[in-house]
Amino acid sequence: MTHEHIHLIEGLRTKIEQLKALLEAEKGRNEQLTAQLEHEKNELRFAHKQQLELQTKYDNLIATAMLSVTEDDRKQAKARLTKMVREIDKCLALLNQ
């Protein structure tokens, strides 16, 4: 082997060692990113679970509020609406004059 061949082989070995080091670094980065991805997925699952629980609680509150309306509340609301309709009718009658 000539000196030039030995130099080329040494250069090739150096490049291979550099590639091995880069490969190991990328493997480490890949593991880190995989762990981070798994962590983010877990957080997303937890947030989704919380959102579903809050939606259920909200729906229950709405149902409870609807059921808690008493007959007296309904009568008062109907009386207010009737009064408003009469006032609107009066206004319309005044406009038609």
PDB file of N, CA and C in Angstrom:
ATOM      1  N   MET A   1       0.845  -1.191   0.000  1.00  0.00           N
ATOM      2  CA  MET A   1       0.000   0.000   0.000  1.00  0.00           C
ATOM      3  C   MET A   1       0.878   1.238   0.000  1.00  0.00           C
ATOM      4  N   THR A   2       0.422   2.181  -0.704  1.00  0.00           N
ATOM      5  CA  THR A   2       1.182   3.418  -0.772  1.00  0.00           C
ATOM      6  C   THR A   2       0.756   4.345   0.346  1.00  0.00           C
ATOM      7  N   HIS A   3       1.549   5.343   0.526  1.00  0.00           N
ATOM      8  CA  HIS A   3       1.263   6.346   1.554  1.00  0.00           C
ATOM      9  C   HIS A   3      -0.088   7.022   1.285  1.00  0.00           C
ATOM     10  N   GLU A   4      -0.389   7.206   0.052  1.00  0.00           N
ATOM     11  CA  GLU A   4      -1.667   7.841  -0.331  1.00  0.00           C
ATOM     12  C   GLU A   4      -2.858   6.954   0.046  1.00  0.00           C
ATOM     13  N   HIS A   5      -2.726   5.638  -0.160  1.00  0.00           N
ATOM     14  CA  HIS A   5      -3.807   4.718   0.196  1.00  0.00           C
ATOM     15  C   HIS A   5      -4.023   4.702   1.704  1.00  0.00           C
ATOM     16  N   ILE A   6      -2.908   4.696   2.442  1.00  0.00           N
ATOM     17  CA  ILE A   6      -2.993   4.699   3.904  1.00  0.00           C
ATOM     18  C   ILE A   6      -3.693   5.977   4.371  1.00  0.00           C
ATOM     19  N   HIS A   7      -3.360   7.086   3.774  1.00  0.00           N
ATOM     20  CA  HIS A   7      -3.980   8.371   4.109  1.00  0.00           C
ATOM     21  C   HIS A   7      -5.486   8.345   3.812  1.00  0.00           C
ATOM     22  N   LEU A   8      -5.878   7.781   2.687  1.00  0.00           N
ATOM     23  CA  LEU A   8      -7.294   7.678   2.323  1.00  0.00           C
ATOM     24  C   LEU A   8      -8.046   6.772   3.307  1.00  0.00           C
ATOM     25  N   ILE A   9      -7.418   5.664   3.687  1.00  0.00           N
ATOM     26  CA  ILE A   9      -8.048   4.736   4.632  1.00  0.00           C
ATOM     27  C   ILE A   9      -8.220   5.411   5.985  1.00  0.00           C
ATOM     28  N   GLU A  10      -7.217   6.129   6.439  1.00  0.00           N
ATOM     29  CA  GLU A  10      -7.310   6.842   7.713  1.00  0.00           C
ATOM     30  C   GLU A  10      -8.414   7.911   7.655  1.00  0.00           C
ATOM     31  N   GLY A  11      -8.494   8.594   6.549  1.00  0.00           N
ATOM     32  CA  GLY A  11      -9.565   9.585   6.367  1.00  0.00           C
ATOM     33  C   GLY A  11     -10.928   8.930   6.395  1.00  0.00           C
ATOM     34  N   LEU A  12     -11.023   7.761   5.775  1.00  0.00           N
ATOM     35  CA  LEU A  12     -12.277   7.014   5.763  1.00  0.00           C
ATOM     36  C   LEU A  12     -12.644   6.562   7.179  1.00  0.00           C
ATOM     37  N   ARG A  13     -11.655   6.074   7.935  1.00  0.00           N
ATOM     38  CA  ARG A  13     -11.904   5.663   9.318  1.00  0.00           C
ATOM     39  C   ARG A  13     -12.383   6.844  10.160  1.00  0.00           C
ATOM     40  N   THR A  14     -11.768   7.990   9.951  1.00  0.00           N
ATOM     41  CA  THR A  14     -12.164   9.196  10.688  1.00  0.00           C
ATOM     42  C   THR A  14     -13.608   9.554  10.367  1.00  0.00           C
ATOM     43  N   LYS A  15     -13.940   9.520   9.118  1.00  0.00           N
ATOM     44  CA  LYS A  15     -15.326   9.838   8.702  1.00  0.00           C
ATOM     45  C   LYS A  15     -16.317   8.832   9.308  1.00  0.00           C
ATOM     46  N   ILE A  16     -15.938   7.552   9.325  1.00  0.00           N
ATOM     47  CA  ILE A  16     -16.814   6.532   9.894  1.00  0.00           C
ATOM     48  C   ILE A  16     -17.016   6.789  11.380  1.00  0.00           C
ATOM     49  N   GLU A  17     -15.948   7.126  12.089  1.00  0.00           N
ATOM     50  CA  GLU A  17     -16.056   7.432  13.518  1.00  0.00           C
ATOM     51  C   GLU A  17     -16.944   8.653  13.751  1.00  0.00           C
ATOM     52  N   GLN A  18     -16.816   9.647  12.890  1.00  0.00           N
ATOM     53  CA  GLN A  18     -17.665  10.833  12.996  1.00  0.00           C
ATOM     54  C   GLN A  18     -19.135  10.462  12.754  1.00  0.00           C
ATOM     55  N   LEU A  19     -19.373   9.622  11.772  1.00  0.00           N
ATOM     56  CA  LEU A  19     -20.734   9.176  11.485  1.00  0.00           C
ATOM     57  C   LEU A  19     -21.303   8.375  12.647  1.00  0.00           C
ATOM     58  N   LYS A  20     -20.471   7.523  13.270  1.00  0.00           N
ATOM     59  CA  LYS A  20     -20.912   6.765  14.439  1.00  0.00           C
ATOM     60  C   LYS A  20     -21.299   7.710  15.568  1.00  0.00           C
ATOM     61  N   ALA A  21     -20.489   8.730  15.795  1.00  0.00           N
ATOM     62  CA  ALA A  21     -20.786   9.700  16.854  1.00  0.00           C
ATOM     63  C   ALA A  21     -22.077  10.446  16.545  1.00  0.00           C
ATOM     64  N   LEU A  22     -22.248  10.844  15.290  1.00  0.00           N
ATOM     65  CA  LEU A  22     -23.485  11.520  14.894  1.00  0.00           C
ATOM     66  C   LEU A  22     -24.688  10.594  15.057  1.00  0.00           C
ATOM     67  N   LEU A  23     -24.522   9.335  14.720  1.00  0.00           N
ATOM     68  CA  LEU A  23     -25.609   8.368  14.859  1.00  0.00           C
ATOM     69  C   LEU A  23     -26.014   8.231  16.324  1.00  0.00           C
ATOM     70  N   GLU A  24     -25.028   8.113  17.209  1.00  0.00           N
ATOM     71  CA  GLU A  24     -25.325   7.998  18.636  1.00  0.00           C
ATOM     72  C   GLU A  24     -26.019   9.257  19.155  1.00  0.00           C
ATOM     73  N   ALA A  25     -25.572  10.416  18.707  1.00  0.00           N
ATOM     74  CA  ALA A  25     -26.200  11.670  19.126  1.00  0.00           C
ATOM     75  C   ALA A  25     -27.648  11.725  18.645  1.00  0.00           C
ATOM     76  N   GLU A  26     -27.888  11.298  17.430  1.00  0.00           N
ATOM     77  CA  GLU A  26     -29.243  11.308  16.884  1.00  0.00           C
ATOM     78  C   GLU A  26     -30.130  10.282  17.589  1.00  0.00           C
ATOM     79  N   LYS A  27     -29.543   9.146  17.961  1.00  0.00           N
ATOM     80  CA  LYS A  27     -30.316   8.156  18.722  1.00  0.00           C
ATOM     81  C   LYS A  27     -30.755   8.755  20.058  1.00  0.00           C
ATOM     82  N   GLY A  28     -29.825   9.454  20.717  1.00  0.00           N
ATOM     83  CA  GLY A  28     -30.170  10.104  21.981  1.00  0.00           C
ATOM     84  C   GLY A  28     -31.251  11.152  21.798  1.00  0.00           C
ATOM     85  N   ARG A  29     -31.111  11.942  20.758  1.00  0.00           N
ATOM     86  CA  ARG A  29     -32.120  12.973  20.475  1.00  0.00           C
ATOM     87  C   ARG A  29     -33.464  12.326  20.153  1.00  0.00           C
ATOM     88  N   ASN A  30     -33.442  11.235  19.415  1.00  0.00           N
ATOM     89  CA  ASN A  30     -34.667  10.524  19.072  1.00  0.00           C
ATOM     90  C   ASN A  30     -35.347   9.999  20.339  1.00  0.00           C
ATOM     91  N   GLU A  31     -34.572   9.433  21.254  1.00  0.00           N
ATOM     92  CA  GLU A  31     -35.131   8.943  22.515  1.00  0.00           C
ATOM     93  C   GLU A  31     -35.746  10.095  23.314  1.00  0.00           C
ATOM     94  N   GLN A  32     -35.043  11.221  23.330  1.00  0.00           N
ATOM     95  CA  GLN A  32     -35.540  12.397  24.053  1.00  0.00           C
ATOM     96  C   GLN A  32     -36.856  12.881  23.443  1.00  0.00           C
ATOM     97  N   LEU A  33     -36.891  12.962  22.131  1.00  0.00           N
ATOM     98  CA  LEU A  33     -38.103  13.419  21.457  1.00  0.00           C
ATOM     99  C   LEU A  33     -39.249  12.427  21.626  1.00  0.00           C
ATOM    100  N   THR A  34     -38.942  11.144  21.628  1.00  0.00           N
ATOM    101  CA  THR A  34     -39.969  10.126  21.847  1.00  0.00           C
ATOM    102  C   THR A  34     -40.557  10.269  23.241  1.00  0.00           C
ATOM    103  N   ALA A  35     -39.683  10.485  24.235  1.00  0.00           N
ATOM    104  CA  ALA A  35     -40.160  10.668  25.609  1.00  0.00           C
ATOM    105  C   ALA A  35     -41.008  11.936  25.715  1.00  0.00           C
ATOM    106  N   GLN A  36     -40.568  13.001  25.055  1.00  0.00           N
ATOM    107  CA  GLN A  36     -41.320  14.258  25.078  1.00  0.00           C
ATOM    108  C   GLN A  36     -42.682  14.076  24.405  1.00  0.00           C
ATOM    109  N   LEU A  37     -42.709  13.362  23.298  1.00  0.00           N
ATOM    110  CA  LEU A  37     -43.964  13.099  22.592  1.00  0.00           C
ATOM    111  C   LEU A  37     -44.921  12.315  23.485  1.00  0.00           C
ATOM    112  N   GLU A  38     -44.410  11.315  24.163  1.00  0.00           N
ATOM    113  CA  GLU A  38     -45.252  10.511  25.054  1.00  0.00           C
ATOM    114  C   GLU A  38     -45.794  11.375  26.188  1.00  0.00           C
ATOM    115  N   HIS A  39     -44.955  12.254  26.712  1.00  0.00           N
ATOM    116  CA  HIS A  39     -45.398  13.166  27.772  1.00  0.00           C
ATOM    117  C   HIS A  39     -46.516  14.080  27.266  1.00  0.00           C
ATOM    118  N   GLU A  40     -46.345  14.619  26.069  1.00  0.00           N
ATOM    119  CA  GLU A  40     -47.351  15.507  25.489  1.00  0.00           C
ATOM    120  C   GLU A  40     -48.657  14.745  25.224  1.00  0.00           C
ATOM    121  N   LYS A  41     -48.536  13.506  24.768  1.00  0.00           N
ATOM    122  CA  LYS A  41     -49.735  12.697  24.541  1.00  0.00           C
ATOM    123  C   LYS A  41     -50.487  12.481  25.856  1.00  0.00           C
ATOM    124  N   ASN A  42     -49.737  12.189  26.924  1.00  0.00           N
ATOM    125  CA  ASN A  42     -50.363  11.995  28.233  1.00  0.00           C
ATOM    126  C   ASN A  42     -51.059  13.263  28.700  1.00  0.00           C
ATOM    127  N   GLU A  43     -50.410  14.411  28.511  1.00  0.00           N
ATOM    128  CA  GLU A  43     -51.040  15.671  28.889  1.00  0.00           C
ATOM    129  C   GLU A  43     -52.298  15.925  28.078  1.00  0.00           C
ATOM    130  N   LEU A  44     -52.262  15.606  26.800  1.00  0.00           N
ATOM    131  CA  LEU A  44     -53.432  15.791  25.940  1.00  0.00           C
ATOM    132  C   LEU A  44     -54.576  14.872  26.379  1.00  0.00           C
ATOM    133  N   ARG A  45     -54.242  13.631  26.719  1.00  0.00           N
ATOM    134  CA  ARG A  45     -55.276  12.707  27.212  1.00  0.00           C
ATOM    135  C   ARG A  45     -55.903  13.254  28.496  1.00  0.00           C
ATOM    136  N   PHE A  46     -55.056  13.742  29.396  1.00  0.00           N
ATOM    137  CA  PHE A  46     -55.542  14.275  30.663  1.00  0.00           C
ATOM    138  C   PHE A  46     -56.442  15.491  30.423  1.00  0.00           C
ATOM    139  N   ALA A  47     -56.014  16.397  29.540  1.00  0.00           N
ATOM    140  CA  ALA A  47     -56.808  17.588  29.242  1.00  0.00           C
ATOM    141  C   ALA A  47     -58.141  17.192  28.599  1.00  0.00           C
ATOM    142  N   HIS A  48     -58.118  16.208  27.721  1.00  0.00           N
ATOM    143  CA  HIS A  48     -59.353  15.751  27.085  1.00  0.00           C
ATOM    144  C   HIS A  48     -60.293  15.148  28.127  1.00  0.00           C
ATOM    145  N   LYS A  49     -59.735  14.372  29.035  1.00  0.00           N
ATOM    146  CA  LYS A  49     -60.541  13.772  30.100  1.00  0.00           C
ATOM    147  C   LYS A  49     -61.170  14.863  30.966  1.00  0.00           C
ATOM    148  N   GLN A  50     -60.376  15.884  31.301  1.00  0.00           N
ATOM    149  CA  GLN A  50     -60.907  16.999  32.087  1.00  0.00           C
ATOM    150  C   GLN A  50     -62.009  17.723  31.329  1.00  0.00           C
ATOM    151  N   GLN A  51     -61.813  17.917  30.040  1.00  0.00           N
ATOM    152  CA  GLN A  51     -62.809  18.612  29.225  1.00  0.00           C
ATOM    153  C   GLN A  51     -64.119  17.826  29.221  1.00  0.00           C
ATOM    154  N   LEU A  52     -64.029  16.513  29.104  1.00  0.00           N
ATOM    155  CA  LEU A  52     -65.240  15.689  29.117  1.00  0.00           C
ATOM    156  C   LEU A  52     -65.936  15.758  30.474  1.00  0.00           C
ATOM    157  N   GLU A  53     -65.149  15.734  31.543  1.00  0.00           N
ATOM    158  CA  GLU A  53     -65.729  15.824  32.886  1.00  0.00           C
ATOM    159  C   GLU A  53     -66.415  17.173  33.082  1.00  0.00           C
ATOM    160  N   LEU A  54     -65.750  18.243  32.633  1.00  0.00           N
ATOM    161  CA  LEU A  54     -66.345  19.577  32.770  1.00  0.00           C
ATOM    162  C   LEU A  54     -67.614  19.709  31.926  1.00  0.00           C
ATOM    163  N   GLN A  55     -67.610  19.111  30.733  1.00  0.00           N
ATOM    164  CA  GLN A  55     -68.800  19.152  29.883  1.00  0.00           C
ATOM    165  C   GLN A  55     -69.952  18.435  30.563  1.00  0.00           C
ATOM    166  N   THR A  56     -69.659  17.300  31.184  1.00  0.00           N
ATOM    167  CA  THR A  56     -70.690  16.545  31.897  1.00  0.00           C
ATOM    168  C   THR A  56     -71.232  17.363  33.060  1.00  0.00           C
ATOM    169  N   LYS A  57     -70.339  17.999  33.815  1.00  0.00           N
ATOM    170  CA  LYS A  57     -70.783  18.829  34.936  1.00  0.00           C
ATOM    171  C   LYS A  57     -71.639  19.993  34.446  1.00  0.00           C
ATOM    172  N   TYR A  58     -71.222  20.604  33.337  1.00  0.00           N
ATOM    173  CA  TYR A  58     -71.980  21.718  32.769  1.00  0.00           C
ATOM    174  C   TYR A  58     -73.380  21.252  32.355  1.00  0.00           C
ATOM    175  N   ASP A  59     -73.430  20.114  31.668  1.00  0.00           N
ATOM    176  CA  ASP A  59     -74.724  19.580  31.246  1.00  0.00           C
ATOM    177  C   ASP A  59     -75.613  19.294  32.446  1.00  0.00           C
ATOM    178  N   ASN A  60     -75.021  18.752  33.500  1.00  0.00           N
ATOM    179  CA  ASN A  60     -75.785  18.473  34.716  1.00  0.00           C
ATOM    180  C   ASN A  60     -76.301  19.761  35.355  1.00  0.00           C
ATOM    181  N   LEU A  61     -75.460  20.810  35.363  1.00  0.00           N
ATOM    182  CA  LEU A  61     -75.901  22.087  35.920  1.00  0.00           C
ATOM    183  C   LEU A  61     -77.061  22.674  35.126  1.00  0.00           C
ATOM    184  N   ILE A  62     -76.970  22.585  33.818  1.00  0.00           N
ATOM    185  CA  ILE A  62     -78.048  23.093  32.961  1.00  0.00           C
ATOM    186  C   ILE A  62     -79.340  22.323  33.245  1.00  0.00           C
ATOM    187  N   ALA A  63     -79.226  21.004  33.329  1.00  0.00           N
ATOM    188  CA  ALA A  63     -80.418  20.191  33.600  1.00  0.00           C
ATOM    189  C   ALA A  63     -80.990  20.527  34.969  1.00  0.00           C
ATOM    190  N   THR A  64     -80.123  20.707  35.949  1.00  0.00           N
ATOM    191  CA  THR A  64     -80.568  21.045  37.298  1.00  0.00           C
ATOM    192  C   THR A  64     -81.255  22.412  37.312  1.00  0.00           C
ATOM    193  N   ALA A  65     -80.681  23.357  36.586  1.00  0.00           N
ATOM    194  CA  ALA A  65     -81.269  24.695  36.535  1.00  0.00           C
ATOM    195  C   ALA A  65     -82.654  24.647  35.893  1.00  0.00           C
ATOM    196  N   MET A  66     -82.798  23.830  34.868  1.00  0.00           N
ATOM    197  CA  MET A  66     -84.094  23.734  34.202  1.00  0.00           C
ATOM    198  C   MET A  66     -85.125  23.078  35.118  1.00  0.00           C
ATOM    199  N   LEU A  67     -84.689  22.116  35.881  1.00  0.00           N
ATOM    200  CA  LEU A  67     -85.609  21.423  36.770  1.00  0.00           C
ATOM    201  C   LEU A  67     -85.959  22.262  38.001  1.00  0.00           C
ATOM    202  N   SER A  68     -85.084  23.209  38.341  1.00  0.00           N
ATOM    203  CA  SER A  68     -85.312  23.985  39.556  1.00  0.00           C
ATOM    204  C   SER A  68     -86.288  25.148  39.340  1.00  0.00           C
ATOM    205  N   VAL A  69     -86.747  25.354  38.114  1.00  0.00           N
ATOM    206  CA  VAL A  69     -87.728  26.399  37.846  1.00  0.00           C
ATOM    207  C   VAL A  69     -89.056  25.954  38.460  1.00  0.00           C
ATOM    208  N   THR A  70     -89.577  26.786  39.329  1.00  0.00           N
ATOM    209  CA  THR A  70     -90.825  26.427  40.016  1.00  0.00           C
ATOM    210  C   THR A  70     -92.025  26.889  39.206  1.00  0.00           C
ATOM    211  N   GLU A  71     -93.178  26.411  39.611  1.00  0.00           N
ATOM    212  CA  GLU A  71     -94.427  26.806  38.954  1.00  0.00           C
ATOM    213  C   GLU A  71     -94.656  28.303  39.121  1.00  0.00           C
ATOM    214  N   ASP A  72     -94.303  28.841  40.282  1.00  0.00           N
ATOM    215  CA  ASP A  72     -94.441  30.278  40.533  1.00  0.00           C
ATOM    216  C   ASP A  72     -93.567  31.082  39.568  1.00  0.00           C
ATOM    217  N   ASP A  73     -92.331  30.585  39.323  1.00  0.00           N
ATOM    218  CA  ASP A  73     -91.442  31.252  38.369  1.00  0.00           C
ATOM    219  C   ASP A  73     -92.065  31.259  36.976  1.00  0.00           C
ATOM    220  N   ARG A  74     -92.668  30.160  36.593  1.00  0.00           N
ATOM    221  CA  ARG A  74     -93.312  30.080  35.276  1.00  0.00           C
ATOM    222  C   ARG A  74     -94.483  31.062  35.173  1.00  0.00           C
ATOM    223  N   LYS A  75     -95.275  31.150  36.236  1.00  0.00           N
ATOM    224  CA  LYS A  75     -96.417  32.067  36.224  1.00  0.00           C
ATOM    225  C   LYS A  75     -95.946  33.509  36.130  1.00  0.00           C
ATOM    226  N   GLN A  76     -94.888  33.846  36.866  1.00  0.00           N
ATOM    227  CA  GLN A  76     -94.368  35.221  36.814  1.00  0.00           C
ATOM    228  C   GLN A  76     -93.829  35.542  35.429  1.00  0.00           C
ATOM    229  N   ALA A  77     -93.111  34.599  34.825  1.00  0.00           N
ATOM    230  CA  ALA A  77     -92.570  34.812  33.480  1.00  0.00           C
ATOM    231  C   ALA A  77     -93.706  34.987  32.479  1.00  0.00           C
ATOM    232  N   LYS A  78     -94.748  34.173  32.597  1.00  0.00           N
ATOM    233  CA  LYS A  78     -95.892  34.289  31.694  1.00  0.00           C
ATOM    234  C   LYS A  78     -96.588  35.633  31.871  1.00  0.00           C
ATOM    235  N   ALA A  79     -96.706  36.085  33.116  1.00  0.00           N
ATOM    236  CA  ALA A  79     -97.347  37.378  33.379  1.00  0.00           C
ATOM    237  C   ALA A  79     -96.519  38.510  32.777  1.00  0.00           C
ATOM    238  N   ARG A  80     -95.194  38.422  32.928  1.00  0.00           N
ATOM    239  CA  ARG A  80     -94.329  39.471  32.342  1.00  0.00           C
ATOM    240  C   ARG A  80     -94.461  39.490  30.826  1.00  0.00           C
ATOM    241  N   LEU A  81     -94.460  38.319  30.214  1.00  0.00           N
ATOM    242  CA  LEU A  81     -94.598  38.249  28.752  1.00  0.00           C
ATOM    243  C   LEU A  81     -95.946  38.797  28.299  1.00  0.00           C
ATOM    244  N   THR A  82     -96.998  38.464  29.020  1.00  0.00           N
ATOM    245  CA  THR A  82     -98.343  38.958  28.686  1.00  0.00           C
ATOM    246  C   THR A  82     -98.372  40.479  28.772  1.00  0.00           C
ATOM    247  N   LYS A  83     -97.754  41.017  29.823  1.00  0.00           N
ATOM    248  CA  LYS A  83     -97.700  42.472  29.998  1.00  0.00           C
ATOM    249  C   LYS A  83     -96.948  43.115  28.840  1.00  0.00           C
ATOM    250  N   MET A  84     -95.816  42.516  28.441  1.00  0.00           N
ATOM    251  CA  MET A  84     -95.039  43.063  27.323  1.00  0.00           C
ATOM    252  C   MET A  84     -95.840  43.049  26.037  1.00  0.00           C
ATOM    253  N   VAL A  85     -96.565  41.968  25.797  1.00  0.00           N
ATOM    254  CA  VAL A  85     -97.379  41.871  24.576  1.00  0.00           C
ATOM    255  C   VAL A  85     -98.452  42.948  24.571  1.00  0.00           C
ATOM    256  N   ARG A  86     -99.092  43.182  25.721  1.00  0.00           N
ATOM    257  CA  ARG A  86    -100.111  44.244  25.799  1.00  0.00           C
ATOM    258  C   ARG A  86     -99.496  45.610  25.497  1.00  0.00           C
ATOM    259  N   GLU A  87     -98.296  45.877  26.064  1.00  0.00           N
ATOM    260  CA  GLU A  87     -97.642  47.166  25.815  1.00  0.00           C
ATOM    261  C   GLU A  87     -97.287  47.320  24.343  1.00  0.00           C
ATOM    262  N   ILE A  88     -96.831  46.235  23.714  1.00  0.00           N
ATOM    263  CA  ILE A  88     -96.507  46.290  22.282  1.00  0.00           C
ATOM    264  C   ILE A  88     -97.768  46.542  21.477  1.00  0.00           C
ATOM    265  N   ASP A  89     -98.859  45.899  21.848  1.00  0.00           N
ATOM    266  CA  ASP A  89    -100.140  46.125  21.154  1.00  0.00           C
ATOM    267  C   ASP A  89    -100.576  47.579  21.280  1.00  0.00           C
ATOM    268  N   LYS A  90    -100.388  48.169  22.472  1.00  0.00           N
ATOM    269  CA  LYS A  90    -100.742  49.580  22.665  1.00  0.00           C
ATOM    270  C   LYS A  90     -99.891  50.471  21.771  1.00  0.00           C
ATOM    271  N   CYS A  91     -98.596  50.172  21.719  1.00  0.00           N
ATOM    272  CA  CYS A  91     -97.704  50.966  20.877  1.00  0.00           C
ATOM    273  C   CYS A  91     -98.099  50.854  19.405  1.00  0.00           C
ATOM    274  N   LEU A  92     -98.437  49.678  18.968  1.00  0.00           N
ATOM    275  CA  LEU A  92     -98.852  49.486  17.587  1.00  0.00           C
ATOM    276  C   LEU A  92    -100.152  50.223  17.298  1.00  0.00           C
ATOM    277  N   ALA A  93    -101.067  50.207  18.259  1.00  0.00           N
ATOM    278  CA  ALA A  93    -102.334  50.920  18.092  1.00  0.00           C
ATOM    279  C   ALA A  93    -102.079  52.421  17.991  1.00  0.00           C
ATOM    280  N   LEU A  94    -101.140  52.944  18.789  1.00  0.00           N
ATOM    281  CA  LEU A  94    -100.817  54.369  18.713  1.00  0.00           C
ATOM    282  C   LEU A  94    -100.164  54.721  17.378  1.00  0.00           C
ATOM    283  N   LEU A  95     -99.343  53.834  16.874  1.00  0.00           N
ATOM    284  CA  LEU A  95     -98.692  54.099  15.585  1.00  0.00           C
ATOM    285  C   LEU A  95     -99.682  54.061  14.434  1.00  0.00           C
ATOM    286  N   ASN A  96    -100.723  53.263  14.553  1.00  0.00           N
ATOM    287  CA  ASN A  96    -101.731  53.134  13.495  1.00  0.00           C
ATOM    288  C   ASN A  96    -102.717  54.289  13.483  1.00  0.00           C
ATOM    289  N   GLN A  97    -102.735  55.094  14.494  1.00  0.00           N
ATOM    290  CA  GLN A  97    -103.709  56.204  14.556  1.00  0.00           C
ATOM    291  C   GLN A  97    -103.341  57.340  13.640  1.00  0.00           C
TER     292      GLN A  97
END
